[in-house]
Protein backbone atom coordinates (compact mmCIF):
# COMPACT_ATOMS: atom_id res chain seq x y z
CA MET A 1 10.65 -3.31 4.87
CA VAL A 2 7.44 -1.35 5.33
CA SER A 3 4.49 -3.69 5.93
CA LEU A 4 1.05 -3.49 7.45
CA THR A 5 2.32 -5.48 10.42
CA SER A 6 5.11 -2.98 11.12
CA ILE A 7 2.63 -0.09 10.87
CA GLN A 8 0.26 -1.79 13.29
CA GLU A 9 3.16 -2.27 15.72
CA LEU A 10 3.82 1.46 15.55
CA GLU A 11 0.16 2.21 16.18
CA ARG A 12 0.24 0.14 19.37
CA LEU A 13 3.18 2.12 20.76
CA ARG A 14 1.42 4.82 22.72
CA ARG A 15 1.21 6.08 26.27
CA PRO A 16 -0.36 9.26 27.70
CA GLY A 17 2.22 12.02 27.78
CA ALA A 18 4.69 10.13 25.53
CA TRP A 19 4.77 12.03 22.25
CA VAL A 20 6.13 10.64 18.97
CA LEU A 21 8.05 12.67 16.38
CA SER A 22 7.04 11.51 12.89
CA VAL A 23 9.12 12.71 9.94
CA TYR A 24 8.43 12.24 6.22
CA LEU A 25 10.92 13.72 3.73
CA THR A 26 11.45 13.61 -0.01
CA VAL A 27 15.14 12.97 -0.62
CA ASP A 28 16.09 14.45 -3.99
CA PRO A 29 19.47 16.23 -4.06
CA THR A 30 19.23 16.61 -7.85
CA ARG A 31 16.77 19.50 -7.47
CA SER A 32 18.48 22.88 -7.66
CA THR A 33 16.29 24.28 -4.87
CA TRP A 34 16.69 21.25 -2.65
CA PRO A 35 17.20 22.32 0.98
CA ALA A 36 19.12 20.05 3.35
CA PRO A 37 16.81 17.52 5.05
CA ARG A 38 18.01 18.72 8.44
CA THR A 39 16.99 22.28 7.52
CA LYS A 40 13.52 21.20 6.45
CA VAL A 41 12.94 19.29 9.71
CA TYR A 42 14.46 22.06 11.84
CA ASN A 43 12.10 24.64 10.31
CA ALA A 44 9.11 22.35 10.92
CA VAL A 45 10.17 21.72 14.53
CA LYS A 46 10.50 25.46 15.15
CA GLY A 47 6.96 25.89 13.84
CA LEU A 48 5.68 23.19 16.20
CA GLU A 49 7.59 24.77 19.08
CA ALA A 50 5.99 28.14 18.41
CA THR A 51 2.53 26.63 18.80
CA ALA A 52 3.35 24.20 21.64
CA PRO A 53 0.21 23.73 23.76
CA THR A 54 2.12 23.09 27.02
CA PRO A 55 5.66 23.45 28.41
CA ALA A 56 5.89 19.66 28.70
CA TYR A 57 5.09 19.30 25.00
CA ARG A 58 7.75 21.87 24.09
CA LYS A 59 10.37 20.17 26.29
CA ALA A 60 9.66 16.75 24.81
CA LEU A 61 9.74 18.13 21.25
CA LEU A 62 13.16 19.74 21.75
CA ARG A 63 14.48 16.54 23.34
CA GLU A 64 13.49 14.53 20.25
CA TRP A 65 14.96 17.21 17.97
CA GLU A 66 18.33 16.93 19.76
CA ARG A 67 18.38 13.18 19.11
CA LEU A 68 17.39 13.70 15.49
CA ASP A 69 19.96 16.46 14.98
CA GLU A 70 22.73 14.13 16.14
CA TRP A 71 21.46 11.44 13.78
CA PHE A 72 21.39 13.84 10.82
CA ALA A 73 25.08 14.62 11.45
CA GLN A 74 25.91 10.97 10.61
CA TRP A 75 23.20 10.31 8.03
CA THR A 76 23.89 9.49 4.39
CA PRO A 77 20.88 10.13 2.09
CA GLN A 78 19.51 6.98 0.48
CA GLY A 79 16.64 6.33 -1.89
CA LYS A 80 13.99 8.96 -2.64
CA GLY A 81 12.07 9.10 0.62
CA LEU A 82 12.87 9.08 4.33
CA VAL A 83 10.43 8.07 7.07
CA LEU A 84 11.46 8.31 10.71
CA PHE A 85 9.70 7.82 14.05
CA ALA A 86 11.29 8.81 17.37
CA SER A 87 10.11 8.78 20.99
CA GLU A 88 12.59 8.49 23.84
CA PRO A 89 9.90 7.64 26.49
CA LEU A 90 8.63 4.79 24.30
CA GLY A 91 12.12 3.59 23.37
CA LEU A 92 11.22 4.18 19.74
CA TRP A 93 13.63 4.94 16.91
CA ARG A 94 12.71 3.60 13.51
CA THR A 95 13.76 4.69 10.02
CA TRP A 96 12.86 3.60 6.51
CA HIS A 97 14.68 4.68 3.36
CA LEU A 98 12.14 4.35 0.57
CA PRO A 99 12.69 4.05 -3.20
CA VAL A 100 9.76 6.43 -3.82
CA PRO A 101 9.28 10.05 -2.64
CA VAL A 102 6.91 10.96 0.19
CA PRO A 103 5.36 14.40 0.87
CA ASP A 104 7.35 16.42 3.42
CA GLN A 105 5.59 16.32 6.80
CA VAL A 106 6.63 16.56 10.44
CA ARG A 107 4.19 15.70 13.24
CA PHE A 108 4.58 15.54 17.03
CA GLN A 109 1.66 13.82 18.72
CA GLU A 110 0.76 11.04 21.15
CA SER A 111 1.05 8.34 18.50
CA ALA A 112 3.04 7.68 15.36
CA TYR A 113 1.59 9.45 12.32
CA THR A 114 1.25 6.51 9.92
CA THR A 115 -1.38 7.71 7.43
CA PRO A 116 1.16 8.42 4.62
CA LEU A 117 2.67 4.94 5.04
CA LEU A 118 -0.73 3.29 4.77
CA ASP A 119 -1.43 5.35 1.67
CA LEU A 120 1.89 4.21 0.21
CA LEU A 121 1.14 0.53 0.80
CA ASP A 122 -2.28 0.95 -0.75
CA GLU A 123 -0.88 2.63 -3.86
CA TYR A 124 2.04 0.25 -4.43
CA GLU A 125 0.91 -3.35 -4.29
CA ARG A 126 3.25 -6.27 -4.92
CA TYR A 127 3.31 -7.40 -8.53
CA ALA A 128 4.91 -10.59 -9.81
CA VAL A 129 6.01 -10.54 -13.45
CA VAL A 130 6.83 -13.72 -15.37
CA LEU A 131 8.36 -13.79 -18.83
CA VAL A 132 8.46 -17.18 -20.47
CA GLU A 133 9.54 -18.74 -23.74
CA LYS A 134 10.29 -22.33 -24.74
CA GLN A 135 13.52 -22.72 -22.77
CA ARG A 136 13.75 -19.79 -20.40
CA GLY A 137 11.56 -18.31 -17.70
CA ARG A 138 12.36 -15.15 -15.71
CA LEU A 139 10.47 -14.15 -12.56
CA PHE A 140 10.46 -10.63 -11.15
CA LEU A 141 8.91 -8.88 -8.16
CA VAL A 142 7.84 -5.23 -8.51
CA HIS A 143 7.07 -3.21 -5.39
CA LEU A 144 7.34 0.44 -4.36
CA GLY A 145 8.68 1.40 -7.78
CA GLN A 146 11.52 -1.12 -7.65
CA ILE A 147 12.15 -4.43 -9.39
CA GLU A 148 14.04 -7.54 -8.30
CA GLU A 149 14.70 -10.66 -10.33
CA GLU A 150 13.62 -13.56 -8.15
CA ASN A 151 14.34 -16.61 -10.28
CA LEU A 152 15.64 -17.83 -13.61
CA VAL A 153 14.29 -21.14 -14.91
CA LEU A 154 16.30 -22.78 -17.71
CA THR A 155 15.23 -26.07 -19.26
CA PRO A 156 17.16 -27.82 -22.05
CA VAL A 157 14.66 -28.30 -24.88
CA PRO A 158 15.69 -30.19 -28.04
CA GLN A 159 15.22 -28.28 -31.26
CA LYS A 160 12.49 -29.28 -33.66
CA HIS A 161 13.68 -31.87 -36.17
CA ALA A 162 14.16 -29.95 -39.41
CA GLN A 163 14.30 -33.00 -41.68
CA GLY A 164 11.49 -35.27 -42.67
CA GLY A 165 11.47 -39.03 -42.44
CA TRP A 166 9.94 -41.63 -40.24
CA SER A 167 11.55 -40.22 -37.04
CA ALA A 168 10.32 -36.61 -37.51
CA PRO A 169 7.00 -37.07 -35.63
CA ARG A 170 8.88 -38.65 -32.71
CA PHE A 171 11.29 -35.71 -32.51
CA GLN A 172 8.34 -33.31 -32.72
CA ARG A 173 6.54 -35.03 -29.82
CA HIS A 174 9.75 -35.05 -27.78
CA HIS A 175 10.21 -31.31 -28.40
CA GLU A 176 6.60 -30.48 -27.45
CA GLU A 177 6.76 -32.58 -24.28
CA ALA A 178 10.01 -30.87 -23.24
CA VAL A 179 8.39 -27.43 -23.74
CA LYS A 180 5.41 -28.49 -21.62
CA GLU A 181 7.76 -29.70 -18.89
CA HIS A 182 9.57 -26.36 -18.97
CA VAL A 183 6.30 -24.43 -18.66
CA ARG A 184 5.32 -26.60 -15.68
CA ALA A 185 8.69 -25.85 -14.08
CA VAL A 186 8.13 -22.10 -14.48
CA ALA A 187 4.63 -22.44 -12.98
CA GLN A 188 6.06 -24.34 -10.00
CA ALA A 189 8.74 -21.68 -9.49
CA LEU A 190 6.01 -19.04 -9.47
CA GLU A 191 3.99 -21.01 -6.90
CA GLU A 192 7.05 -21.20 -4.68
CA MET A 193 7.64 -17.46 -5.05
CA ALA A 194 4.03 -16.83 -4.06
CA ARG A 195 4.57 -18.83 -0.88
CA GLN A 196 7.90 -17.21 -0.01
CA ARG A 197 7.42 -13.56 -1.01
CA ARG A 198 3.67 -13.06 -1.47
CA PHE A 199 2.29 -10.77 -4.15
CA ASP A 200 -1.08 -9.24 -4.95
CA ARG A 201 -1.18 -9.31 -8.75
CA LEU A 202 0.46 -11.10 -11.64
CA ILE A 203 1.63 -9.95 -15.08
CA LEU A 204 2.65 -12.43 -17.80
CA GLY A 205 4.87 -11.86 -20.80
CA GLY A 206 6.71 -13.63 -23.59
CA PRO A 207 5.65 -15.12 -26.94
CA VAL A 208 1.89 -15.63 -27.00
CA GLU A 209 2.07 -19.43 -27.32
CA ALA A 210 4.36 -19.89 -24.30
CA ARG A 211 2.57 -17.24 -22.26
CA THR A 212 -0.82 -18.86 -22.89
CA ALA A 213 0.55 -22.29 -21.97
CA LEU A 214 1.92 -20.89 -18.71
CA GLU A 215 -1.39 -19.25 -17.78
CA GLU A 216 -3.21 -22.53 -18.40
CA ALA A 217 -0.69 -24.37 -16.21
CA LEU A 218 -1.21 -22.06 -13.23
CA PRO A 219 -3.47 -23.07 -10.33
CA PRO A 220 -6.70 -21.05 -10.05
CA THR A 221 -5.38 -19.07 -7.07
CA LEU A 222 -2.62 -17.62 -9.26
CA ARG A 223 -4.54 -17.45 -12.52
CA GLU A 224 -7.12 -15.14 -10.94
CA ARG A 225 -4.37 -12.66 -10.06
CA VAL A 226 -3.38 -12.08 -13.70
CA VAL A 227 -4.11 -8.45 -14.60
CA GLY A 228 -2.08 -7.82 -17.73
CA TYR A 229 0.33 -8.99 -20.40
CA LEU A 230 3.67 -7.64 -21.63
CA PRO A 231 4.97 -7.86 -25.22
CA LEU A 232 8.47 -8.59 -23.92
CA HIS A 233 10.79 -11.54 -24.47
CA PRO A 234 12.94 -13.06 -21.69
CA ASN A 235 16.05 -12.44 -23.82
CA ASP A 236 15.37 -8.74 -24.51
CA ALA A 237 18.16 -6.26 -23.78
CA MET A 238 17.69 -3.82 -20.85
CA LEU A 239 14.96 -6.22 -19.71
CA GLN A 240 14.61 -5.17 -16.05
CA GLN A 241 14.06 -1.51 -16.92
CA LYS A 242 11.55 -2.40 -19.63
CA VAL A 243 9.67 -4.74 -17.30
CA LEU A 244 9.58 -2.11 -14.54
CA GLU A 245 8.29 0.68 -16.78
CA ALA A 246 5.62 -1.48 -18.42
CA SER A 247 4.55 -3.00 -15.08
CA LEU A 248 4.12 0.39 -13.43
CA LYS A 249 1.85 1.50 -16.27
CA ILE A 250 -0.30 -1.59 -15.83
CA GLU A 251 -0.27 -1.11 -12.05
CA GLU A 252 -1.52 2.47 -12.41
CA GLN A 253 -4.33 1.43 -14.76
CA VAL A 254 -5.37 -1.51 -12.59
CA GLU A 255 -5.37 0.53 -9.37
CA ARG A 256 -7.43 3.40 -10.80
CA GLN A 257 -9.97 0.98 -12.31
CA ARG A 258 -10.25 -1.02 -9.06
CA GLU A 259 -10.80 2.18 -7.12
CA ALA A 260 -13.48 3.34 -9.55
CA ASP A 261 -15.23 -0.04 -9.26
CA LEU A 262 -14.95 0.07 -5.47
CA VAL A 263 -16.53 3.53 -5.22
CA GLU A 264 -19.38 2.55 -7.52
CA GLU A 265 -19.97 -0.56 -5.45
CA LEU A 266 -19.90 1.55 -2.29
CA ILE A 267 -22.55 3.86 -3.75
CA THR A 268 -24.75 0.94 -4.80
CA ALA A 269 -24.37 -0.82 -1.45
CA SER A 270 -25.08 2.35 0.55
CA ALA A 271 -28.33 2.84 -1.36
CA LYS A 272 -29.50 -0.48 0.08
CA ARG A 273 -28.58 0.80 3.57
CA ASP A 274 -27.53 -2.57 4.91
CA SER A 275 -23.96 -3.20 3.70
CA ALA A 276 -22.38 0.26 3.35
CA VAL A 277 -22.72 3.90 4.39
CA LEU A 278 -21.66 7.22 2.85
CA SER A 279 -20.91 10.64 4.42
CA PRO A 280 -18.57 11.54 7.29
CA GLU A 281 -21.30 11.39 9.94
CA ARG A 282 -22.57 7.93 9.06
CA ALA A 283 -19.18 6.38 8.31
CA LEU A 284 -17.59 7.67 11.52
CA GLN A 285 -20.52 6.57 13.63
CA ALA A 286 -20.35 3.07 12.11
CA LEU A 287 -16.60 3.03 12.82
CA HIS A 288 -17.25 4.02 16.43
CA GLN A 289 -19.76 1.17 16.71
CA ARG A 290 -17.20 -1.28 15.29
CA LYS A 291 -19.42 -2.11 12.34
CA VAL A 292 -16.87 -1.30 9.60
CA HIS A 293 -14.61 -3.76 7.80
CA LEU A 294 -13.32 -1.37 5.08
CA LEU A 295 -13.03 2.42 5.27
CA VAL A 296 -12.88 4.23 1.90
CA LEU A 297 -11.36 7.72 1.76
CA ALA A 298 -10.68 10.34 -0.91
CA HIS A 299 -6.92 10.71 -1.26
CA ALA A 300 -5.36 13.92 0.15
CA TRP A 301 -8.69 15.05 1.63
CA HIS A 302 -8.75 16.47 5.14
CA ILE A 303 -11.40 18.07 7.34
CA GLY A 304 -11.47 19.17 10.95
CA GLY A 305 -14.00 17.95 13.46
CA TYR A 306 -14.56 16.80 17.01
CA ARG A 307 -13.97 13.82 19.27
CA CYS A 308 -15.96 12.96 22.38
CA THR A 309 -13.60 12.85 25.37
CA SER A 310 -15.77 10.15 26.99
CA CYS A 311 -16.69 7.59 24.30
CA GLY A 312 -14.30 8.59 21.48
CA LEU A 313 -16.96 9.28 18.82
CA LEU A 314 -15.59 11.26 15.86
CA ALA A 315 -17.83 13.69 14.00
CA PRO A 316 -17.44 16.69 11.67
CA ARG A 317 -19.93 18.61 13.83
CA MET A 318 -20.81 18.23 17.48
CA GLU A 319 -22.81 20.50 19.77
CA ASP A 320 -22.00 21.11 23.43
CA ARG A 321 -22.52 17.41 24.18
CA CYS A 322 -21.81 14.12 22.42
CA PRO A 323 -25.05 12.85 20.79
CA LEU A 324 -24.30 9.29 21.92
CA CYS A 325 -23.14 9.59 25.54
CA GLY A 326 -23.47 13.24 26.46
CA GLY A 327 -19.71 13.62 26.92
CA THR A 328 -17.68 16.75 26.24
CA PRO A 329 -16.36 17.23 22.67
CA GLU A 330 -12.81 18.37 21.90
CA PRO A 331 -11.57 19.77 18.55
CA VAL A 332 -9.69 17.42 16.19
CA PRO A 333 -7.60 19.24 13.56
CA ASP A 334 -7.63 16.33 11.10
CA LEU A 335 -10.64 14.05 11.28
CA VAL A 336 -9.31 11.78 8.52
CA ASP A 337 -6.12 10.97 10.42
CA ALA A 338 -8.10 10.33 13.59
CA ALA A 339 -10.44 7.99 11.70
CA VAL A 340 -7.49 6.08 10.19
CA GLU A 341 -5.97 5.63 13.67
CA GLN A 342 -9.28 4.32 14.96
CA ALA A 343 -9.61 1.96 11.99
CA MET A 344 -6.09 0.60 12.48
CA ALA A 345 -6.75 0.00 16.18
CA GLN A 346 -9.77 -2.10 15.20
CA GLY A 347 -8.00 -4.03 12.42
CA VAL A 348 -10.20 -2.36 9.80
CA GLY A 349 -8.96 -2.10 6.20
CA VAL A 350 -8.34 1.39 4.79
CA GLU A 351 -8.51 2.30 1.10
CA TRP A 352 -7.62 5.67 -0.43
CA VAL A 353 -8.92 6.40 -3.91
CA LYS A 354 -7.43 8.76 -6.49
CA GLY A 355 -8.30 10.17 -9.89
CA ALA A 356 -11.89 9.95 -11.08
CA ALA A 357 -12.87 7.74 -8.12
CA ARG A 358 -11.62 10.42 -5.71
CA GLU A 359 -13.65 13.14 -7.44
CA ARG A 360 -16.74 10.93 -7.40
CA LEU A 361 -16.35 10.19 -3.69
CA LEU A 362 -15.76 13.86 -2.83
CA THR A 363 -19.17 14.76 -4.26
CA LEU A 364 -20.64 12.32 -1.73
CA GLY A 365 -18.77 13.52 1.35
CA GLY A 366 -15.26 12.17 0.81
CA ILE A 367 -15.65 9.09 3.01
CA GLY A 368 -17.64 5.87 3.06
CA ALA A 369 -17.50 2.47 4.70
CA PHE A 370 -18.40 -1.12 3.91
CA LEU A 371 -20.04 -2.65 6.95
CA THR A 372 -19.28 -5.98 8.53
CA LEU A 373 -21.94 -7.57 6.34
CA GLU A 374 -19.54 -7.98 3.42
CA PRO A 375 -20.89 -7.10 -0.03
CA ARG A 376 -21.09 -10.22 -2.12
CA HIS A 377 -19.24 -8.82 -5.11
CA SER A 378 -16.58 -6.74 -3.35
CA LEU A 379 -13.46 -8.77 -4.13
CA ARG A 380 -11.30 -5.69 -3.52
CA ALA A 381 -13.00 -4.93 -0.19
CA ARG A 382 -12.71 -8.52 1.00
CA ARG A 383 -9.06 -8.76 0.01
CA LEU A 384 -8.10 -5.55 1.81
CA ALA A 385 -10.06 -6.49 4.91
CA ARG A 386 -8.41 -9.94 4.98
CA ARG A 387 -5.01 -8.28 4.67
CA ALA A 388 -5.78 -5.99 7.61
CA ARG A 389 -6.96 -8.87 9.80
CA ALA A 390 -3.96 -11.04 8.85
CA GLY A 391 -1.52 -8.22 9.54
CA ARG A 392 0.10 -8.34 6.07
């Protein structure tokens, strides 16, 4: 399973002169124009070979391609996306078959190219979905466009007493107490799932009365994760597909709104000049000085720049000498990727924003950073930074 911890482990695998082949492929044989994955990678490798900076680079590239070519001969396509990292000198061979597509990319450099994986984790958070009614509770986990049913809670609840008479109130109380006990059991099952599987957000569904009772029974740590409600019943037909489709819509809405709020908070905080900065120059300098706890980037935005060969400062522009140490600058083809690598090495959270938030951030330079003085109201920033530090 792809996790922040596994990505950080990849980032730590590096040694001068030991290049890593990073492969990202969309796997979709249903498309009429779909070329074989091997062909797509082969064409990309030939392009890298044609621009090889040194003979050693070319030799190492072709060595990794030979290993990959042998693997492709035995490979059976799975899922919708393939991610692969290979480096014989580092003893590295790692593959992930993903349930979601990834943009086709092939890189060969002195570290694993993990930016698309980080973007994927940021976009697809873990969602728990609970549907509850008076006798049945169903718990699901939604992640990376897939759904799993985690638990089914069944509680025998006596029916309401239909007849009148002196015993009717007693039957009614017995029924109501049994329903409350069932709701508590569902809440306990959800708490256990939170401990075992971990999830970022929570969606509740079912009849309004039962759903409301469940939300009230949840501890504050789970209640604050509730982001939406589903008009679905635990006994509905085709339930998993309905839950998945409805959950992904809520997930999309929540993510875009959170990103919009985060960018607005970044702008407000940067105006105070003590808790955030905007623009490539200021954000990258703060990152170099280890003052950043969350880096915010416009999705699918890339610019070239420079890196100081002495102190490692990244900058979109640099004269003959580094402004900080006087070292010699070298060109960096993708400053965003270099910044993400630096952030990961420091345990700094990284957030990509899309949609309206992306357009807003692009007008301000495409990049910003919350500084180590955490903004008081940045729940999103604090959560992402905690996740980075905890390695989740």
